[in-house]
Amino acid sequence: MLANADNLTELDRDSHHIQAKLQKKLRRLVGRAIADYGMIEAGDRVMVCVSGGKDSYGLLDILLNLQHSAPVDFELIAVNLDQKHPGFPADVLPRYLGDLGVAFHVLEADTYRVVQAATAPGKTTCRVCSRLRRGILYSFAKEIGANKIALGHHTDDVVETLFLNMFHGGRLKSMPPKLKSDDGRNIVIRPLYYCRERDLERWAQLRKYPIIPCNLCGSQPNQQRQVIKEMLNSWDQMTPGRVESIARSLRYVTPSHLADEELFDFVGLAVNPAELMLHPK
């Protein structure tokens, strides 16, 4: 009996060590992203979008932790949008956020019906859903005086979006770490930009977040993002570090070695005769 108790204590000790190590890693990556891209500054009022998924829980958790040790003062406000999905447990997030002691708001908007009506049979709902959600959250940020909107997109999201745009849109485009909205009223930040999904998934398990699964988009069988996710997972297994390498390439772009004439003057590229005189054969 004593041996079992000792084993349990050892397991608890190991779990605590793993959690502390992972927290340190996530804090470091989030802190680096914030510093590299100037995401949060003194006096900022940051609206953290919390969906009930592992990524947004982790985002809020890490930002709250950093808030206590950051060299600058900033405010965090958690916001959830209840889109009236059938079966959505409306009590989970208010209870969790209330127990956490963070300022929060729960918005209600029946976008579910709008999305279903606006999406053709067999098509994914993501485009319409995200556009409606974004508009509501952007407007609310202005209403509460938030000058930054924090989203829970991580490295895997960034790389998946890159391939989605390449494969299906013919564009070299992804998710930036920091973005000004089209109307110029909001700054969107992605503090998890350097974090891998597998680390956030493990962190969510250790923290025992009350996860609310999205049964509107995540379960759609014809979603191309899931196809790309599986492709990247297979690459990860065959060649560890490949996804990180792809993500890193987005930070080191050489326009002259691509083909966008708006980024580089290919038409005007010519050899200066004076240079030929300076460098004869």
C-alpha atoms as a PDB file:
ATOM      1  CA  MET A   1       0.000   0.000   0.000  1.00  0.00           C
ATOM      2  CA  LEU A   2       2.835   2.317   0.913  1.00  0.00           C
ATOM      3  CA  ALA A   3       4.634   1.448  -2.330  1.00  0.00           C
ATOM      4  CA  ASN A   4       1.562   2.438  -4.334  1.00  0.00           C
ATOM      5  CA  ALA A   5       1.365   5.741  -2.472  1.00  0.00           C
ATOM      6  CA  ASP A   6       5.045   6.330  -3.148  1.00  0.00           C
ATOM      7  CA  ASN A   7       4.545   5.576  -6.841  1.00  0.00           C
ATOM      8  CA  LEU A   8       1.621   7.972  -7.010  1.00  0.00           C
ATOM      9  CA  THR A   9       3.695  10.690  -5.389  1.00  0.00           C
ATOM     10  CA  GLU A  10       6.457  10.085  -7.904  1.00  0.00           C
ATOM     11  CA  LEU A  11       3.988  10.263 -10.795  1.00  0.00           C
ATOM     12  CA  ASP A  12       2.613  13.531  -9.441  1.00  0.00           C
ATOM     13  CA  ARG A  13       6.153  14.862  -9.151  1.00  0.00           C
ATOM     14  CA  ASP A  14       6.933  13.876 -12.730  1.00  0.00           C
ATOM     15  CA  SER A  15       3.707  15.441 -13.971  1.00  0.00           C
ATOM     16  CA  HIS A  16       4.516  18.685 -12.148  1.00  0.00           C
ATOM     17  CA  HIS A  17       8.009  18.703 -13.683  1.00  0.00           C
ATOM     18  CA  ILE A  18       6.618  18.138 -17.188  1.00  0.00           C
ATOM     19  CA  GLN A  19       4.028  20.879 -16.708  1.00  0.00           C
ATOM     20  CA  ALA A  20       6.600  23.368 -15.409  1.00  0.00           C
ATOM     21  CA  LYS A  21       8.961  22.596 -18.292  1.00  0.00           C
ATOM     22  CA  LEU A  22       6.214  22.968 -20.909  1.00  0.00           C
ATOM     23  CA  GLN A  23       4.937  26.178 -19.334  1.00  0.00           C
ATOM     24  CA  LYS A  24       8.453  27.635 -19.454  1.00  0.00           C
ATOM     25  CA  LYS A  25       8.757  26.696 -23.133  1.00  0.00           C
ATOM     26  CA  LEU A  26       5.384  28.202 -24.096  1.00  0.00           C
ATOM     27  CA  ARG A  27       6.042  31.362 -22.069  1.00  0.00           C
ATOM     28  CA  ARG A  28       9.406  31.781 -23.787  1.00  0.00           C
ATOM     29  CA  LEU A  29       7.948  31.321 -27.286  1.00  0.00           C
ATOM     30  CA  VAL A  30       5.024  33.654 -26.650  1.00  0.00           C
ATOM     31  CA  GLY A  31       7.286  36.256 -25.056  1.00  0.00           C
ATOM     32  CA  ARG A  32       9.647  36.082 -28.028  1.00  0.00           C
ATOM     33  CA  ALA A  33       6.815  36.505 -30.544  1.00  0.00           C
ATOM     34  CA  ILE A  34       5.456  39.486 -28.616  1.00  0.00           C
ATOM     35  CA  ALA A  35       8.912  41.096 -28.547  1.00  0.00           C
ATOM     36  CA  ASP A  36       9.848  40.273 -32.163  1.00  0.00           C
ATOM     37  CA  TYR A  37       6.690  41.802 -33.609  1.00  0.00           C
ATOM     38  CA  GLY A  38       5.837  44.484 -31.038  1.00  0.00           C
ATOM     39  CA  MET A  39       2.522  42.817 -30.267  1.00  0.00           C
ATOM     40  CA  ILE A  40       1.870  44.255 -26.806  1.00  0.00           C
ATOM     41  CA  GLU A  41       2.983  47.624 -25.475  1.00  0.00           C
ATOM     42  CA  ALA A  42       2.500  49.599 -22.289  1.00  0.00           C
ATOM     43  CA  GLY A  43      -1.106  50.650 -21.739  1.00  0.00           C
ATOM     44  CA  ASP A  44      -2.574  48.220 -24.266  1.00  0.00           C
ATOM     45  CA  ARG A  45      -6.057  46.868 -23.716  1.00  0.00           C
ATOM     46  CA  VAL A  46      -5.975  43.401 -25.242  1.00  0.00           C
ATOM     47  CA  MET A  47      -9.163  41.564 -26.103  1.00  0.00           C
ATOM     48  CA  VAL A  48      -8.423  37.825 -25.989  1.00  0.00           C
ATOM     49  CA  CYS A  49     -10.843  35.800 -28.109  1.00  0.00           C
ATOM     50  CA  VAL A  50     -11.734  32.596 -26.245  1.00  0.00           C
ATOM     51  CA  SER A  51     -13.678  29.977 -28.189  1.00  0.00           C
ATOM     52  CA  GLY A  52     -13.503  27.109 -25.713  1.00  0.00           C
ATOM     53  CA  GLY A  53     -10.869  25.259 -27.716  1.00  0.00           C
ATOM     54  CA  LYS A  54      -7.419  24.247 -26.491  1.00  0.00           C
ATOM     55  CA  ASP A  55      -5.579  27.018 -28.347  1.00  0.00           C
ATOM     56  CA  SER A  56      -7.582  29.954 -27.012  1.00  0.00           C
ATOM     57  CA  TYR A  57      -7.547  28.540 -23.478  1.00  0.00           C
ATOM     58  CA  GLY A  58      -3.778  28.222 -23.714  1.00  0.00           C
ATOM     59  CA  LEU A  59      -3.446  31.731 -25.145  1.00  0.00           C
ATOM     60  CA  LEU A  60      -5.378  33.316 -22.286  1.00  0.00           C
ATOM     61  CA  ASP A  61      -3.563  31.207 -19.704  1.00  0.00           C
ATOM     62  CA  ILE A  62      -0.089  32.157 -20.961  1.00  0.00           C
ATOM     63  CA  LEU A  63      -0.937  35.852 -21.391  1.00  0.00           C
ATOM     64  CA  LEU A  64      -2.305  36.016 -17.840  1.00  0.00           C
ATOM     65  CA  ASN A  65       0.896  34.402 -16.619  1.00  0.00           C
ATOM     66  CA  LEU A  66       3.077  36.816 -18.583  1.00  0.00           C
ATOM     67  CA  GLN A  67       1.017  39.773 -17.412  1.00  0.00           C
ATOM     68  CA  HIS A  68       2.312  39.309 -13.862  1.00  0.00           C
ATOM     69  CA  SER A  69       5.977  39.399 -14.895  1.00  0.00           C
ATOM     70  CA  ALA A  70       5.968  41.615 -18.001  1.00  0.00           C
ATOM     71  CA  PRO A  71       8.037  44.820 -17.855  1.00  0.00           C
ATOM     72  CA  VAL A  72       5.008  46.795 -19.120  1.00  0.00           C
ATOM     73  CA  ASP A  73       1.456  47.086 -17.831  1.00  0.00           C
ATOM     74  CA  PHE A  74      -1.348  45.907 -20.090  1.00  0.00           C
ATOM     75  CA  GLU A  75      -4.961  44.862 -19.607  1.00  0.00           C
ATOM     76  CA  LEU A  76      -6.587  41.593 -20.677  1.00  0.00           C
ATOM     77  CA  ILE A  77     -10.275  41.118 -21.408  1.00  0.00           C
ATOM     78  CA  ALA A  78     -11.563  37.693 -22.427  1.00  0.00           C
ATOM     79  CA  VAL A  79     -14.391  37.608 -24.961  1.00  0.00           C
ATOM     80  CA  ASN A  80     -16.406  34.632 -26.155  1.00  0.00           C
ATOM     81  CA  LEU A  81     -18.881  34.665 -29.022  1.00  0.00           C
ATOM     82  CA  ASP A  82     -21.799  32.285 -28.517  1.00  0.00           C
ATOM     83  CA  GLN A  83     -22.851  31.632 -32.115  1.00  0.00           C
ATOM     84  CA  LYS A  84     -25.833  29.530 -31.048  1.00  0.00           C
ATOM     85  CA  HIS A  85     -24.504  26.258 -32.361  1.00  0.00           C
ATOM     86  CA  PRO A  86     -26.937  23.466 -31.467  1.00  0.00           C
ATOM     87  CA  GLY A  87     -25.872  21.875 -28.197  1.00  0.00           C
ATOM     88  CA  PHE A  88     -23.363  24.585 -27.309  1.00  0.00           C
ATOM     89  CA  PRO A  89     -22.857  24.448 -23.496  1.00  0.00           C
ATOM     90  CA  ALA A  90     -23.379  28.134 -22.755  1.00  0.00           C
ATOM     91  CA  ASP A  91     -22.543  27.776 -19.064  1.00  0.00           C
ATOM     92  CA  VAL A  92     -19.017  26.351 -19.413  1.00  0.00           C
ATOM     93  CA  LEU A  93     -17.007  29.436 -20.382  1.00  0.00           C
ATOM     94  CA  PRO A  94     -18.721  31.941 -18.039  1.00  0.00           C
ATOM     95  CA  ARG A  95     -18.096  29.569 -15.145  1.00  0.00           C
ATOM     96  CA  TYR A  96     -14.474  28.947 -16.129  1.00  0.00           C
ATOM     97  CA  LEU A  97     -13.673  32.623 -16.763  1.00  0.00           C
ATOM     98  CA  GLY A  98     -15.475  33.669 -13.594  1.00  0.00           C
ATOM     99  CA  ASP A  99     -13.430  31.221 -11.518  1.00  0.00           C
ATOM    100  CA  LEU A 100     -10.285  32.473 -13.239  1.00  0.00           C
ATOM    101  CA  GLY A 101     -11.020  36.011 -12.074  1.00  0.00           C
ATOM    102  CA  VAL A 102     -10.402  37.635 -15.450  1.00  0.00           C
ATOM    103  CA  ALA A 103     -12.654  40.337 -16.884  1.00  0.00           C
ATOM    104  CA  PHE A 104     -14.810  38.767 -19.579  1.00  0.00           C
ATOM    105  CA  HIS A 105     -17.793  39.222 -21.873  1.00  0.00           C
ATOM    106  CA  VAL A 106     -19.963  36.646 -23.605  1.00  0.00           C
ATOM    107  CA  LEU A 107     -21.559  37.895 -26.816  1.00  0.00           C
ATOM    108  CA  GLU A 108     -24.581  36.197 -28.325  1.00  0.00           C
ATOM    109  CA  ALA A 109     -25.266  36.173 -32.052  1.00  0.00           C
ATOM    110  CA  ASP A 110     -27.169  33.517 -33.963  1.00  0.00           C
ATOM    111  CA  THR A 111     -24.669  33.240 -36.803  1.00  0.00           C
ATOM    112  CA  TYR A 112     -25.259  29.494 -37.026  1.00  0.00           C
ATOM    113  CA  ARG A 113     -28.526  29.923 -38.944  1.00  0.00           C
ATOM    114  CA  VAL A 114     -26.961  32.564 -41.196  1.00  0.00           C
ATOM    115  CA  VAL A 115     -24.007  30.315 -42.004  1.00  0.00           C
ATOM    116  CA  GLN A 116     -26.218  27.329 -42.786  1.00  0.00           C
ATOM    117  CA  ALA A 117     -28.458  29.416 -45.048  1.00  0.00           C
ATOM    118  CA  ALA A 118     -25.516  31.035 -46.869  1.00  0.00           C
ATOM    119  CA  THR A 119     -23.514  27.839 -47.493  1.00  0.00           C
ATOM    120  CA  ALA A 120     -24.312  25.606 -50.451  1.00  0.00           C
ATOM    121  CA  PRO A 121     -24.741  21.874 -49.758  1.00  0.00           C
ATOM    122  CA  GLY A 122     -21.410  20.081 -49.674  1.00  0.00           C
ATOM    123  CA  LYS A 123     -19.408  23.290 -49.191  1.00  0.00           C
ATOM    124  CA  THR A 124     -17.445  24.136 -46.048  1.00  0.00           C
ATOM    125  CA  THR A 125     -18.862  26.753 -43.717  1.00  0.00           C
ATOM    126  CA  CYS A 126     -15.516  28.261 -42.663  1.00  0.00           C
ATOM    127  CA  ARG A 127     -15.411  31.251 -44.991  1.00  0.00           C
ATOM    128  CA  VAL A 128     -18.849  32.612 -44.085  1.00  0.00           C
ATOM    129  CA  CYS A 129     -18.537  31.716 -40.404  1.00  0.00           C
ATOM    130  CA  SER A 130     -15.136  33.360 -39.942  1.00  0.00           C
ATOM    131  CA  ARG A 131     -16.214  36.519 -41.768  1.00  0.00           C
ATOM    132  CA  LEU A 132     -19.301  36.938 -39.561  1.00  0.00           C
ATOM    133  CA  ARG A 133     -17.375  36.119 -36.394  1.00  0.00           C
ATOM    134  CA  ARG A 134     -14.584  38.524 -37.294  1.00  0.00           C
ATOM    135  CA  GLY A 135     -17.009  41.388 -37.942  1.00  0.00           C
ATOM    136  CA  ILE A 136     -18.775  40.929 -34.611  1.00  0.00           C
ATOM    137  CA  LEU A 137     -15.543  40.670 -32.611  1.00  0.00           C
ATOM    138  CA  TYR A 138     -13.901  43.625 -34.378  1.00  0.00           C
ATOM    139  CA  SER A 139     -16.909  45.828 -33.632  1.00  0.00           C
ATOM    140  CA  PHE A 140     -17.009  44.763 -30.005  1.00  0.00           C
ATOM    141  CA  ALA A 141     -13.304  45.499 -29.572  1.00  0.00           C
ATOM    142  CA  LYS A 142     -13.958  49.099 -30.556  1.00  0.00           C
ATOM    143  CA  GLU A 143     -16.982  49.206 -28.226  1.00  0.00           C
ATOM    144  CA  ILE A 144     -14.910  48.220 -25.169  1.00  0.00           C
ATOM    145  CA  GLY A 145     -11.888  50.309 -26.147  1.00  0.00           C
ATOM    146  CA  ALA A 146      -9.572  47.378 -26.895  1.00  0.00           C
ATOM    147  CA  ASN A 147      -6.725  48.419 -29.183  1.00  0.00           C
ATOM    148  CA  LYS A 148      -5.427  44.872 -29.721  1.00  0.00           C
ATOM    149  CA  ILE A 149      -7.266  41.625 -30.536  1.00  0.00           C
ATOM    150  CA  ALA A 150      -5.407  38.430 -29.614  1.00  0.00           C
ATOM    151  CA  LEU A 151      -6.207  35.263 -31.565  1.00  0.00           C
ATOM    152  CA  GLY A 152      -5.074  31.719 -30.785  1.00  0.00           C
ATOM    153  CA  HIS A 153      -3.486  30.751 -34.105  1.00  0.00           C
ATOM    154  CA  HIS A 154      -0.245  28.789 -33.783  1.00  0.00           C
ATOM    155  CA  THR A 155       2.607  27.645 -36.049  1.00  0.00           C
ATOM    156  CA  ASP A 156       0.624  24.734 -37.483  1.00  0.00           C
ATOM    157  CA  ASP A 157      -2.260  27.068 -38.423  1.00  0.00           C
ATOM    158  CA  VAL A 158       0.202  29.400 -40.142  1.00  0.00           C
ATOM    159  CA  VAL A 159       1.814  26.640 -42.217  1.00  0.00           C
ATOM    160  CA  GLU A 160      -1.524  25.017 -43.060  1.00  0.00           C
ATOM    161  CA  THR A 161      -2.841  28.373 -44.281  1.00  0.00           C
ATOM    162  CA  LEU A 162       0.264  28.845 -46.418  1.00  0.00           C
ATOM    163  CA  PHE A 163      -0.374  25.541 -48.237  1.00  0.00           C
ATOM    164  CA  LEU A 164      -4.124  26.169 -48.487  1.00  0.00           C
ATOM    165  CA  ASN A 165      -3.432  29.431 -50.303  1.00  0.00           C
ATOM    166  CA  MET A 166      -0.781  27.841 -52.503  1.00  0.00           C
ATOM    167  CA  PHE A 167      -2.779  24.742 -53.436  1.00  0.00           C
ATOM    168  CA  HIS A 168      -6.227  26.299 -53.768  1.00  0.00           C
ATOM    169  CA  GLY A 169      -5.655  30.022 -54.341  1.00  0.00           C
ATOM    170  CA  GLY A 170      -2.379  30.219 -56.235  1.00  0.00           C
ATOM    171  CA  ARG A 171      -1.010  32.713 -53.714  1.00  0.00           C
ATOM    172  CA  LEU A 172       2.041  32.815 -51.478  1.00  0.00           C
ATOM    173  CA  LYS A 173       0.123  34.021 -48.438  1.00  0.00           C
ATOM    174  CA  SER A 174      -0.406  32.960 -44.842  1.00  0.00           C
ATOM    175  CA  MET A 175      -1.324  34.374 -41.409  1.00  0.00           C
ATOM    176  CA  PRO A 176       0.855  37.277 -40.260  1.00  0.00           C
ATOM    177  CA  PRO A 177       1.845  37.592 -36.592  1.00  0.00           C
ATOM    178  CA  LYS A 178       0.408  41.117 -36.493  1.00  0.00           C
ATOM    179  CA  LEU A 179      -2.152  42.701 -38.800  1.00  0.00           C
ATOM    180  CA  LYS A 180      -4.108  45.923 -39.153  1.00  0.00           C
ATOM    181  CA  SER A 181      -7.726  45.295 -40.160  1.00  0.00           C
ATOM    182  CA  ASP A 182      -8.924  46.556 -43.544  1.00  0.00           C
ATOM    183  CA  ASP A 183     -10.868  49.407 -41.935  1.00  0.00           C
ATOM    184  CA  GLY A 184      -7.808  50.437 -39.919  1.00  0.00           C
ATOM    185  CA  ARG A 185      -9.641  50.254 -36.594  1.00  0.00           C
ATOM    186  CA  ASN A 186      -8.114  47.096 -35.121  1.00  0.00           C
ATOM    187  CA  ILE A 187      -4.715  45.488 -34.652  1.00  0.00           C
ATOM    188  CA  VAL A 188      -4.861  41.686 -34.616  1.00  0.00           C
ATOM    189  CA  ILE A 189      -2.025  39.819 -32.878  1.00  0.00           C
ATOM    190  CA  ARG A 190      -1.144  36.127 -32.757  1.00  0.00           C
ATOM    191  CA  PRO A 191       1.043  35.556 -29.665  1.00  0.00           C
ATOM    192  CA  LEU A 192       1.140  31.770 -30.260  1.00  0.00           C
ATOM    193  CA  TYR A 193       2.897  32.327 -33.605  1.00  0.00           C
ATOM    194  CA  TYR A 194       5.974  30.321 -32.569  1.00  0.00           C
ATOM    195  CA  CYS A 195       4.089  27.566 -30.690  1.00  0.00           C
ATOM    196  CA  ARG A 196       3.414  24.100 -32.083  1.00  0.00           C
ATOM    197  CA  GLU A 197      -0.079  22.629 -31.820  1.00  0.00           C
ATOM    198  CA  ARG A 198       1.193  19.442 -30.170  1.00  0.00           C
ATOM    199  CA  ASP A 199       2.628  21.475 -27.273  1.00  0.00           C
ATOM    200  CA  LEU A 200      -0.654  23.363 -26.829  1.00  0.00           C
ATOM    201  CA  GLU A 201      -2.551  20.079 -26.933  1.00  0.00           C
ATOM    202  CA  ARG A 202      -0.335  18.619 -24.229  1.00  0.00           C
ATOM    203  CA  TRP A 203      -0.645  21.804 -22.177  1.00  0.00           C
ATOM    204  CA  ALA A 204      -4.438  21.635 -22.400  1.00  0.00           C
ATOM    205  CA  GLN A 205      -4.368  18.047 -21.129  1.00  0.00           C
ATOM    206  CA  LEU A 206      -2.146  18.978 -18.192  1.00  0.00           C
ATOM    207  CA  ARG A 207      -4.266  22.006 -17.332  1.00  0.00           C
ATOM    208  CA  LYS A 208      -7.527  20.067 -17.766  1.00  0.00           C
ATOM    209  CA  TYR A 209      -9.332  22.836 -19.652  1.00  0.00           C
ATOM    210  CA  PRO A 210     -13.091  22.341 -20.129  1.00  0.00           C
ATOM    211  CA  ILE A 211     -12.804  21.939 -23.904  1.00  0.00           C
ATOM    212  CA  ILE A 212     -15.857  22.799 -25.997  1.00  0.00           C
ATOM    213  CA  PRO A 213     -15.575  21.004 -29.374  1.00  0.00           C
ATOM    214  CA  CYS A 214     -16.713  22.826 -32.487  1.00  0.00           C
ATOM    215  CA  ASN A 215     -19.122  20.572 -34.360  1.00  0.00           C
ATOM    216  CA  LEU A 216     -19.843  23.134 -37.065  1.00  0.00           C
ATOM    217  CA  CYS A 217     -16.535  23.297 -38.910  1.00  0.00           C
ATOM    218  CA  GLY A 218     -13.975  20.977 -37.376  1.00  0.00           C
ATOM    219  CA  SER A 219     -15.989  17.853 -38.184  1.00  0.00           C
ATOM    220  CA  GLN A 220     -16.618  18.580 -41.862  1.00  0.00           C
ATOM    221  CA  PRO A 221     -15.257  15.636 -43.867  1.00  0.00           C
ATOM    222  CA  ASN A 222     -14.506  17.695 -46.978  1.00  0.00           C
ATOM    223  CA  GLN A 223     -12.442  20.324 -45.233  1.00  0.00           C
ATOM    224  CA  GLN A 224      -9.195  20.872 -47.136  1.00  0.00           C
ATOM    225  CA  ARG A 225      -7.390  22.154 -44.041  1.00  0.00           C
ATOM    226  CA  GLN A 226      -7.704  18.692 -42.503  1.00  0.00           C
ATOM    227  CA  VAL A 227      -6.149  17.145 -45.614  1.00  0.00           C
ATOM    228  CA  ILE A 228      -3.182  19.501 -45.351  1.00  0.00           C
ATOM    229  CA  LYS A 229      -2.914  18.887 -41.601  1.00  0.00           C
ATOM    230  CA  GLU A 230      -2.576  15.164 -42.263  1.00  0.00           C
ATOM    231  CA  MET A 231       0.069  15.855 -44.912  1.00  0.00           C
ATOM    232  CA  LEU A 232       2.098  17.966 -42.477  1.00  0.00           C
ATOM    233  CA  ASN A 233       1.721  15.372 -39.732  1.00  0.00           C
ATOM    234  CA  SER A 234       3.185  12.727 -42.023  1.00  0.00           C
ATOM    235  CA  TRP A 235       6.090  15.058 -42.838  1.00  0.00           C
ATOM    236  CA  ASP A 236       6.611  15.648 -39.126  1.00  0.00           C
ATOM    237  CA  GLN A 237       6.935  11.925 -38.551  1.00  0.00           C
ATOM    238  CA  MET A 238       9.264  11.320 -41.488  1.00  0.00           C
ATOM    239  CA  THR A 239      11.360  14.471 -41.081  1.00  0.00           C
ATOM    240  CA  PRO A 240      11.074  16.102 -37.642  1.00  0.00           C
ATOM    241  CA  GLY A 241      11.580  19.860 -37.814  1.00  0.00           C
ATOM    242  CA  ARG A 242      10.243  20.274 -41.350  1.00  0.00           C
ATOM    243  CA  VAL A 243       7.135  22.213 -40.261  1.00  0.00           C
ATOM    244  CA  GLU A 244       9.256  24.555 -38.131  1.00  0.00           C
ATOM    245  CA  SER A 245      11.574  25.067 -41.112  1.00  0.00           C
ATOM    246  CA  ILE A 246       8.636  25.988 -43.371  1.00  0.00           C
ATOM    247  CA  ALA A 247       7.323  28.401 -40.743  1.00  0.00           C
ATOM    248  CA  ARG A 248      10.787  29.949 -40.372  1.00  0.00           C
ATOM    249  CA  SER A 249      10.970  30.532 -44.143  1.00  0.00           C
ATOM    250  CA  LEU A 250       8.111  33.024 -43.828  1.00  0.00           C
ATOM    251  CA  ARG A 251      10.453  35.236 -41.829  1.00  0.00           C
ATOM    252  CA  TYR A 252      13.259  35.163 -44.397  1.00  0.00           C
ATOM    253  CA  VAL A 253      11.817  36.180 -47.759  1.00  0.00           C
ATOM    254  CA  THR A 254      13.960  37.082 -50.792  1.00  0.00           C
ATOM    255  CA  PRO A 255      11.645  38.921 -53.233  1.00  0.00           C
ATOM    256  CA  SER A 256      14.235  38.868 -56.052  1.00  0.00           C
ATOM    257  CA  HIS A 257      14.121  35.059 -55.997  1.00  0.00           C
ATOM    258  CA  LEU A 258      10.349  34.842 -56.385  1.00  0.00           C
ATOM    259  CA  ALA A 259       8.292  36.282 -59.241  1.00  0.00           C
ATOM    260  CA  ASP A 260       6.078  39.088 -57.932  1.00  0.00           C
ATOM    261  CA  GLU A 261       6.772  42.143 -60.098  1.00  0.00           C
ATOM    262  CA  GLU A 262       5.146  44.378 -57.486  1.00  0.00           C
ATOM    263  CA  LEU A 263       7.743  43.333 -54.907  1.00  0.00           C
ATOM    264  CA  PHE A 264      10.769  43.438 -57.209  1.00  0.00           C
ATOM    265  CA  ASP A 265      11.508  45.440 -60.372  1.00  0.00           C
ATOM    266  CA  PHE A 266      12.255  42.598 -62.785  1.00  0.00           C
ATOM    267  CA  VAL A 267      11.456  44.739 -65.860  1.00  0.00           C
ATOM    268  CA  GLY A 268      13.942  47.405 -64.856  1.00  0.00           C
ATOM    269  CA  LEU A 269      16.642  44.879 -63.949  1.00  0.00           C
ATOM    270  CA  ALA A 270      19.655  45.453 -66.206  1.00  0.00           C
ATOM    271  CA  VAL A 271      23.429  45.591 -66.126  1.00  0.00           C
ATOM    272  CA  ASN A 272      24.907  49.051 -65.757  1.00  0.00           C
ATOM    273  CA  PRO A 273      27.613  49.634 -68.460  1.00  0.00           C
ATOM    274  CA  ALA A 274      29.714  51.442 -65.849  1.00  0.00           C
ATOM    275  CA  GLU A 275      29.772  48.281 -63.744  1.00  0.00           C
ATOM    276  CA  LEU A 276      31.074  46.323 -66.748  1.00  0.00           C
ATOM    277  CA  MET A 277      34.020  48.724 -66.951  1.00  0.00           C
ATOM    278  CA  LEU A 278      34.750  48.202 -63.265  1.00  0.00           C
ATOM    279  CA  HIS A 279      34.587  44.412 -63.554  1.00  0.00           C
ATOM    280  CA  PRO A 280      36.058  43.419 -66.940  1.00  0.00           C
ATOM    281  CA  LYS A 281      36.678  39.772 -67.794  1.00  0.00           C
END
